[in-house]
Each structure stands twice: as structure tokens, then as C-alpha cells.
Amino acid sequence: MVDSPDLEILNQNEVKFAVSIQLIAKELENIMLVMPHCLWASERMLSTTSLFKMS
């Protein structure tokens, strides 16, 4: 069976997606380490995301 080019592109995108998620997680980790107000920040993020869900 020959792999379709579509499938190959999909796999590459999945890999890119996984890598970007890891990078985002690392960034968040760094932010949490540097920020003394991480609790306040996470509360802000939660309230912002709930606002997005409502709209």
C-alpha cells in the first residue's frame, strides 16, 4: 500500500502540533517560575477563557 501524500502532510502537521504544544508548555513553565503573581495570572486566564466560552 502506497502512503497518500495527504496522510504524510497530516503526520507532519501532527508532529509540528505536538512540538508547539511542548514549546508552549515550556514557556508557561518559565512564566510561572518568573512570575510571583502566577495565581493571579491563572485566575485572569480562567476568567478570560470563560468569557470566550460565553460569547
N, C-alpha and C. Protein backbone atom coordinates (compact mmCIF):
# COMPACT_ATOMS: atom_id res chain seq x y z
N MET A 1 0.84 -1.21 0.00
CA MET A 1 0.00 0.00 0.00
C MET A 1 0.87 1.26 0.00
N VAL A 2 0.56 2.17 -0.89
CA VAL A 2 1.33 3.41 -1.00
C VAL A 2 0.71 4.49 -0.09
N ASP A 3 1.55 5.15 0.70
CA ASP A 3 1.05 6.23 1.54
C ASP A 3 0.62 7.39 0.68
N SER A 4 -0.57 7.92 0.96
CA SER A 4 -1.01 9.08 0.21
C SER A 4 -0.28 10.32 0.72
N PRO A 5 0.01 11.27 -0.18
CA PRO A 5 0.70 12.49 0.25
C PRO A 5 -0.09 13.24 1.33
N ASP A 6 -1.42 13.15 1.28
CA ASP A 6 -2.27 13.79 2.28
C ASP A 6 -1.94 13.28 3.69
N LEU A 7 -1.80 11.96 3.77
CA LEU A 7 -1.51 11.33 5.04
C LEU A 7 -0.15 11.80 5.58
N GLU A 8 0.80 11.93 4.67
CA GLU A 8 2.14 12.37 5.06
C GLU A 8 2.10 13.79 5.60
N ILE A 9 1.36 14.65 4.91
CA ILE A 9 1.21 16.05 5.35
C ILE A 9 0.54 16.08 6.72
N LEU A 10 -0.47 15.25 6.91
CA LEU A 10 -1.17 15.18 8.19
C LEU A 10 -0.22 14.80 9.31
N ASN A 11 0.62 13.78 9.06
CA ASN A 11 1.58 13.35 10.07
C ASN A 11 2.57 14.45 10.41
N GLN A 12 3.03 15.18 9.40
CA GLN A 12 3.96 16.29 9.65
C GLN A 12 3.28 17.36 10.49
N ASN A 13 2.03 17.65 10.20
CA ASN A 13 1.28 18.64 10.98
C ASN A 13 1.10 18.19 12.42
N GLU A 14 0.84 16.90 12.60
CA GLU A 14 0.69 16.36 13.96
C GLU A 14 1.97 16.53 14.74
N VAL A 15 3.10 16.27 14.09
CA VAL A 15 4.40 16.42 14.74
C VAL A 15 4.64 17.88 15.10
N LYS A 16 4.38 18.79 14.15
CA LYS A 16 4.54 20.22 14.41
C LYS A 16 3.65 20.66 15.57
N PHE A 17 2.43 20.14 15.60
CA PHE A 17 1.47 20.48 16.65
C PHE A 17 1.98 20.02 18.01
N ALA A 18 2.48 18.78 18.06
CA ALA A 18 3.00 18.23 19.31
C ALA A 18 4.19 19.05 19.80
N VAL A 19 5.07 19.42 18.88
CA VAL A 19 6.24 20.21 19.23
C VAL A 19 5.82 21.58 19.74
N SER A 20 4.87 22.21 19.08
CA SER A 20 4.44 23.54 19.52
C SER A 20 3.76 23.47 20.88
N ILE A 21 3.04 22.39 21.15
CA ILE A 21 2.43 22.22 22.47
C ILE A 21 3.52 22.11 23.54
N GLN A 22 4.58 21.37 23.23
CA GLN A 22 5.69 21.24 24.18
C GLN A 22 6.34 22.59 24.42
N LEU A 23 6.52 23.37 23.35
CA LEU A 23 7.12 24.70 23.49
C LEU A 23 6.25 25.61 24.34
N ILE A 24 4.95 25.57 24.09
CA ILE A 24 4.01 26.38 24.88
C ILE A 24 4.07 25.98 26.34
N ALA A 25 4.09 24.67 26.60
CA ALA A 25 4.15 24.18 27.97
C ALA A 25 5.43 24.68 28.66
N LYS A 26 6.54 24.64 27.92
CA LYS A 26 7.82 25.10 28.47
C LYS A 26 7.75 26.59 28.77
N GLU A 27 7.17 27.35 27.85
CA GLU A 27 7.02 28.79 28.07
C GLU A 27 6.19 29.07 29.31
N LEU A 28 5.07 28.36 29.44
CA LEU A 28 4.20 28.54 30.60
C LEU A 28 4.95 28.23 31.89
N GLU A 29 5.77 27.15 31.85
CA GLU A 29 6.57 26.78 32.99
C GLU A 29 7.51 27.93 33.37
N ASN A 30 8.17 28.49 32.37
CA ASN A 30 9.08 29.61 32.61
C ASN A 30 8.35 30.81 33.19
N ILE A 31 7.19 31.12 32.61
CA ILE A 31 6.39 32.25 33.08
C ILE A 31 6.01 32.05 34.55
N MET A 32 5.56 30.84 34.88
CA MET A 32 5.16 30.54 36.25
C MET A 32 6.34 30.69 37.22
N LEU A 33 7.54 30.32 36.74
CA LEU A 33 8.72 30.44 37.60
C LEU A 33 9.09 31.90 37.84
N VAL A 34 8.98 32.71 36.79
CA VAL A 34 9.41 34.10 36.92
C VAL A 34 8.37 34.97 37.60
N MET A 35 7.10 34.59 37.41
CA MET A 35 6.04 35.47 37.90
C MET A 35 5.65 35.18 39.34
N PRO A 36 5.78 36.16 40.22
CA PRO A 36 5.32 35.98 41.59
C PRO A 36 3.79 35.97 41.66
N HIS A 37 3.14 36.50 40.62
CA HIS A 37 1.68 36.62 40.63
C HIS A 37 1.05 35.50 39.80
N CYS A 38 1.62 34.31 39.85
CA CYS A 38 1.12 33.24 38.97
C CYS A 38 -0.33 32.87 39.30
N LEU A 39 -0.70 32.94 40.56
CA LEU A 39 -2.09 32.64 40.92
C LEU A 39 -3.04 33.66 40.31
N TRP A 40 -2.68 34.92 40.43
CA TRP A 40 -3.47 35.98 39.85
C TRP A 40 -3.56 35.81 38.34
N ALA A 41 -2.43 35.46 37.74
CA ALA A 41 -2.39 35.29 36.29
C ALA A 41 -3.29 34.14 35.84
N SER A 42 -3.24 33.03 36.58
CA SER A 42 -4.09 31.90 36.18
C SER A 42 -5.56 32.23 36.38
N GLU A 43 -5.87 32.99 37.41
CA GLU A 43 -7.26 33.42 37.59
C GLU A 43 -7.70 34.31 36.44
N ARG A 44 -6.80 35.21 36.03
CA ARG A 44 -7.09 36.07 34.88
C ARG A 44 -7.34 35.24 33.63
N MET A 45 -6.47 34.24 33.41
CA MET A 45 -6.60 33.38 32.24
C MET A 45 -7.92 32.62 32.27
N LEU A 46 -8.28 32.10 33.45
CA LEU A 46 -9.53 31.36 33.58
C LEU A 46 -10.73 32.25 33.30
N SER A 47 -10.73 33.46 33.84
CA SER A 47 -11.86 34.35 33.61
C SER A 47 -11.94 34.77 32.14
N THR A 48 -10.76 34.93 31.52
CA THR A 48 -10.73 35.29 30.10
C THR A 48 -11.28 34.15 29.25
N THR A 49 -10.86 32.91 29.55
CA THR A 49 -11.34 31.78 28.76
C THR A 49 -12.83 31.57 28.97
N SER A 50 -13.33 31.80 30.18
CA SER A 50 -14.77 31.62 30.39
C SER A 50 -15.57 32.69 29.64
N LEU A 51 -14.97 33.88 29.51
CA LEU A 51 -15.61 34.93 28.70
C LEU A 51 -15.71 34.48 27.25
N PHE A 52 -14.63 33.85 26.73
CA PHE A 52 -14.64 33.37 25.36
C PHE A 52 -15.71 32.29 25.17
N LYS A 53 -15.85 31.42 26.16
CA LYS A 53 -16.84 30.35 26.05
C LYS A 53 -18.26 30.90 26.00
N MET A 54 -18.50 31.98 26.75
CA MET A 54 -19.85 32.56 26.77
C MET A 54 -20.23 33.19 25.44
N SER A 55 -19.27 33.83 24.79
CA SER A 55 -19.59 34.54 23.54
C SER A 55 -19.85 33.59 22.38
